[in-house]
Protein backbone atom coordinates (compact mmCIF):
# COMPACT_ATOMS: atom_id res chain seq x y z
CA MET A 1 47.68 3.10 -55.92
CA PRO A 2 51.32 3.80 -55.23
CA ASN A 3 52.26 6.81 -54.09
CA SER A 4 55.18 8.68 -56.01
CA SER A 5 58.09 7.56 -52.71
CA ASP A 6 57.31 3.96 -53.92
CA ALA A 7 57.77 4.25 -57.18
CA SER A 8 61.00 6.16 -57.57
CA LYS A 9 62.23 3.04 -55.01
CA THR A 10 61.40 1.00 -57.87
CA GLU A 11 62.58 2.48 -60.53
CA SER A 12 65.45 3.03 -58.57
CA ARG A 13 65.49 -0.68 -57.81
CA ARG A 14 65.32 -1.43 -61.28
CA ARG A 15 68.19 0.56 -62.40
CA GLY A 16 70.21 -1.28 -59.80
CA ARG A 17 69.96 -4.57 -60.72
CA GLY A 18 73.07 -5.75 -62.41
CA ARG A 19 74.33 -2.26 -62.30
CA PRO A 20 75.72 -2.95 -65.94
CA ALA A 21 76.48 0.89 -66.72
CA ARG A 22 78.95 0.82 -63.59
CA LEU A 23 80.26 -2.79 -64.21
CA SER A 24 83.87 -2.86 -65.62
CA ARG A 25 86.36 -5.28 -66.55
CA GLU A 26 88.72 -4.26 -64.36
CA GLN A 27 86.51 -4.83 -61.72
CA ILE A 28 85.96 -7.97 -62.26
CA ALA A 29 89.42 -8.10 -62.48
CA GLY A 30 90.10 -7.17 -59.09
CA ALA A 31 86.93 -8.69 -57.61
CA ALA A 32 88.28 -12.21 -58.99
CA LEU A 33 91.73 -11.57 -57.20
CA GLU A 34 90.11 -10.63 -53.91
CA VAL A 35 87.99 -13.40 -54.05
CA GLY A 36 90.70 -15.87 -55.29
CA LEU A 37 91.19 -17.38 -58.24
CA ASP A 38 90.97 -20.98 -56.92
CA LYS A 39 87.12 -19.81 -56.01
CA ALA A 40 86.73 -17.04 -58.82
CA THR A 41 83.08 -18.66 -60.52
CA VAL A 42 80.91 -16.83 -62.41
CA THR A 43 78.01 -17.38 -59.54
CA ALA A 44 80.98 -16.30 -56.93
CA LEU A 45 81.88 -13.00 -58.94
CA ALA A 46 78.27 -12.04 -59.31
CA ALA A 47 77.54 -12.59 -55.30
CA HIS A 48 80.63 -10.43 -54.67
CA LEU A 49 80.13 -7.34 -56.67
CA GLY A 50 76.62 -7.67 -56.23
CA VAL A 51 75.23 -8.02 -59.55
CA ASP A 52 73.53 -10.61 -61.92
CA HIS A 53 75.33 -13.13 -64.18
CA SER A 54 74.11 -11.55 -67.09
CA SER A 55 76.27 -8.39 -66.15
CA LEU A 56 79.64 -10.02 -66.10
CA TYR A 57 78.57 -11.98 -69.65
CA ARG A 58 78.78 -8.35 -70.85
CA HIS A 59 82.00 -8.59 -70.07
CA VAL A 60 83.63 -12.13 -69.71
CA ARG A 61 82.12 -15.34 -71.42
CA ASN A 62 83.62 -17.79 -68.93
CA ARG A 63 85.89 -18.75 -66.13
CA ASP A 64 88.94 -18.83 -68.22
CA ALA A 65 88.30 -15.23 -69.18
CA ILE A 66 88.03 -14.18 -65.57
CA VAL A 67 91.40 -15.54 -65.00
CA ALA A 68 92.52 -14.01 -67.81
CA LEU A 69 91.50 -10.72 -66.85
CA ALA A 70 92.66 -11.21 -63.14
CA ALA A 71 96.56 -12.59 -64.10
CA GLU A 72 96.86 -9.94 -66.60
CA MET A 73 96.19 -7.08 -63.50
CA ALA A 74 98.27 -9.20 -61.23
CA ILE A 75 101.40 -9.01 -63.05
CA ALA A 76 100.51 -5.18 -64.26
CA GLU A 77 100.86 -4.26 -60.78
CA LEU A 78 104.13 -6.23 -59.72
CA ASP A 79 106.50 -4.37 -57.95
CA TRP A 80 109.31 -6.65 -59.55
CA ARG A 81 112.15 -4.35 -60.36
CA SER A 82 115.22 -3.38 -58.16
CA PRO A 83 116.13 0.41 -58.05
CA THR A 84 118.73 1.72 -60.30
CA GLY A 85 122.60 0.08 -59.57
CA ALA A 86 121.61 -2.97 -58.19
CA ASP A 87 124.05 -6.25 -59.44
CA TRP A 88 121.94 -8.68 -61.63
CA ARG A 89 121.93 -11.29 -58.50
CA VAL A 90 120.00 -8.48 -57.11
CA GLU A 91 117.91 -8.04 -59.54
CA LEU A 92 116.80 -11.75 -59.99
CA ILE A 93 116.26 -12.25 -56.26
CA LYS A 94 114.28 -8.90 -56.06
CA LEU A 95 112.15 -10.65 -59.25
CA THR A 96 111.53 -14.31 -57.72
CA ASP A 97 110.97 -12.86 -54.05
CA ALA A 98 108.11 -10.50 -55.89
CA ILE A 99 106.51 -13.92 -57.91
CA TRP A 100 106.57 -15.87 -54.59
CA GLU A 101 104.84 -13.40 -53.01
CA LEU A 102 102.77 -12.86 -55.69
CA TYR A 103 101.63 -16.33 -55.48
CA GLN A 104 101.02 -16.24 -51.94
CA ARG A 105 98.83 -13.46 -52.31
CA HIS A 106 96.45 -14.48 -54.92
CA PRO A 107 95.59 -17.97 -54.10
CA GLY A 108 95.13 -20.09 -57.58
CA LEU A 109 96.95 -17.88 -59.57
CA ALA A 110 100.44 -20.29 -59.52
CA GLU A 111 97.99 -22.80 -61.30
CA ALA A 112 96.27 -20.60 -63.38
CA PHE A 113 99.46 -19.70 -65.20
CA ARG A 114 100.75 -23.50 -65.62
CA THR A 115 97.33 -24.08 -67.65
CA MET A 116 96.78 -20.67 -69.42
CA GLU A 117 97.05 -21.22 -72.99
CA ILE A 118 98.04 -17.50 -73.65
CA MET A 119 100.36 -15.41 -71.43
CA PRO A 120 99.08 -12.13 -69.93
CA GLN A 121 100.13 -9.46 -72.31
CA SER A 122 101.58 -7.80 -69.02
CA GLY A 123 103.75 -10.83 -68.34
CA ILE A 124 105.12 -10.79 -72.21
CA ARG A 125 106.32 -7.27 -71.08
CA ALA A 126 107.61 -7.56 -67.91
CA PHE A 127 109.54 -10.78 -69.55
CA ALA A 128 111.64 -8.54 -71.89
CA GLU A 129 111.99 -6.27 -69.48
CA ALA A 130 113.62 -8.43 -67.02
CA VAL A 131 116.10 -9.94 -70.17
CA SER A 132 116.52 -6.69 -70.74
CA ARG A 133 117.68 -5.56 -67.64
CA LEU A 134 120.00 -8.64 -67.14
CA GLN A 135 121.50 -8.08 -71.01
CA ALA A 136 122.16 -4.05 -69.72
CA HIS A 137 124.65 -6.47 -66.74
CA GLY A 138 126.65 -7.89 -69.97
CA PHE A 139 124.46 -10.81 -70.40
CA LEU A 140 124.07 -12.13 -73.77
CA LEU A 141 120.49 -12.51 -75.23
CA GLU A 142 120.28 -16.03 -74.93
CA ASP A 143 121.67 -16.42 -71.24
CA ALA A 144 119.65 -13.77 -70.23
CA VAL A 145 116.66 -15.50 -71.38
CA LEU A 146 117.70 -18.93 -70.16
CA ALA A 147 118.30 -17.20 -66.74
CA ILE A 148 114.93 -15.75 -66.30
CA ASP A 149 112.84 -18.51 -68.36
CA THR A 150 114.92 -20.93 -65.76
CA LEU A 151 114.00 -18.58 -62.43
CA VAL A 152 110.06 -18.22 -63.21
CA ASP A 153 110.31 -22.21 -63.93
CA LEU A 154 111.43 -22.84 -60.80
CA VAL A 155 109.77 -20.44 -58.40
CA GLY A 156 105.90 -22.13 -60.02
CA ASP A 157 107.30 -25.37 -59.48
CA CYS A 158 108.58 -24.77 -56.12
CA PHE A 159 105.46 -23.20 -54.92
CA LEU A 160 102.90 -25.55 -56.27
CA GLY A 161 104.90 -28.38 -54.80
CA TRP A 162 104.66 -26.75 -51.50
CA HIS A 163 101.28 -25.46 -52.07
CA ALA A 164 100.27 -29.14 -52.61
CA LEU A 165 101.73 -30.21 -49.34
CA GLY A 166 99.94 -28.41 -47.35
CA GLN A 167 96.47 -29.34 -48.61
CA ALA A 168 94.70 -31.90 -46.50
CA ASP A 169 95.01 -35.45 -46.42
CA ARG A 170 92.23 -37.82 -47.21
CA GLN A 171 92.91 -39.35 -43.26
CA GLN A 172 93.85 -36.62 -41.25
CA GLY A 173 96.51 -33.43 -40.95
CA THR A 174 97.94 -32.44 -44.50
CA ARG A 175 99.85 -33.96 -47.06
CA MET A 176 103.17 -32.96 -45.68
CA ASP A 177 102.07 -34.63 -42.62
CA ALA A 178 101.44 -38.04 -44.24
CA MET A 179 104.58 -37.32 -46.46
CA VAL A 180 107.03 -36.82 -43.05
CA ALA A 181 105.26 -39.87 -41.96
CA GLN A 182 105.85 -42.41 -44.98
CA TRP A 183 109.53 -40.94 -44.78
CA ARG A 184 110.16 -41.90 -41.13
CA ARG A 185 108.88 -45.24 -42.34
CA GLU A 186 111.46 -45.46 -44.81
CA ALA A 187 114.35 -44.84 -42.47
CA CYS A 188 113.29 -47.11 -39.96
CA ALA A 189 113.24 -49.67 -42.76
CA LEU A 190 116.43 -48.31 -44.48
CA PRO A 191 118.63 -47.52 -41.45
CA ASP A 192 121.63 -47.59 -44.40
CA HIS A 193 120.34 -44.99 -45.16
CA ALA A 194 118.68 -43.12 -42.14
CA GLU A 195 120.51 -40.35 -42.37
CA GLN A 196 120.38 -38.89 -45.99
CA ILE A 197 116.24 -39.60 -45.24
CA GLY A 198 116.39 -37.63 -42.17
CA GLY A 199 117.61 -34.66 -44.15
CA MET A 200 115.14 -34.95 -46.78
CA ILE A 201 112.72 -34.88 -43.71
CA THR A 202 114.02 -31.92 -42.34
CA VAL A 203 113.59 -30.15 -45.34
CA MET A 204 109.97 -30.49 -45.34
CA GLN A 205 109.94 -30.17 -41.59
CA GLY A 206 111.75 -26.43 -42.67
CA GLY A 207 109.33 -24.68 -44.31
CA ALA A 208 108.43 -23.61 -48.30
CA ARG A 209 110.39 -20.54 -48.28
CA PRO A 210 113.60 -21.34 -46.74
CA TRP A 211 114.29 -24.28 -49.33
CA TRP A 212 112.80 -22.15 -52.04
CA GLU A 213 115.37 -19.41 -51.50
CA ARG A 214 118.28 -22.26 -51.16
CA LYS A 215 117.37 -23.73 -54.44
CA ARG A 216 117.12 -19.98 -56.06
CA ASP A 217 120.73 -19.57 -54.47
CA LEU A 218 122.10 -22.81 -56.65
CA VAL A 219 121.09 -21.02 -59.51
CA LEU A 220 122.42 -18.05 -59.05
CA ASP A 221 125.87 -19.52 -57.64
CA GLY A 222 125.88 -21.79 -61.12
CA LEU A 223 125.36 -18.45 -63.35
CA GLN A 224 127.61 -16.24 -61.77
CA GLN A 225 130.56 -19.27 -62.52
CA ARG A 226 129.08 -19.90 -65.91
CA TYR A 227 128.82 -16.49 -67.26
CA SER A 228 131.48 -15.02 -64.80
CA PRO A 229 129.43 -11.51 -63.52
CA THR A 230 132.17 -10.56 -61.74
CA THR A 231 133.18 -9.23 -65.46
CA ARG A 232 130.18 -7.94 -66.57
């Protein structure tokens, strides 16, 4: 016959299994960001949180719901606002730097934003506030929307492109290594254009962030010319 101590341990284990009362949607979102959205399956999160699958299914239906929760949390916690008094260019640099760093911090998040059918509420609010802040600098509504949308798309596209090149190649090294090798072969085959091809090789070898910043600055320079912010 089991003693009272054994019975207590058994009951404790029974209460602890799955811990449904202690699990929350916020915990699930946080765990997904910790694990990485590229690896955040129901099985992986259950193991990470120390719960069974049924506990997760009480809060989320599937992986898409997990990704949506995590994206909501990530955007809500994003530090993208510039200090009071910053000019419009500083505002946009701060915003896009924050998005780039968010994608770096949370593998799989940039891909998730490209495939999600519904934008997280926090993302809509951040977009609206960013547009409003540009309007405060004198931009017309349609111009502010265009500027924010263009830069948000650009940072995502640039990040994903470079991220893909960093993946392992089927042969050896990375896709970037294979890409550089291909461009070098073309430079040898096309000596009249070797200088131009070499210019792109230099870009690829220079890394993602410097090239992204040059692309961003090109857009910002265009905004300055088109909308004459010096008068705003």
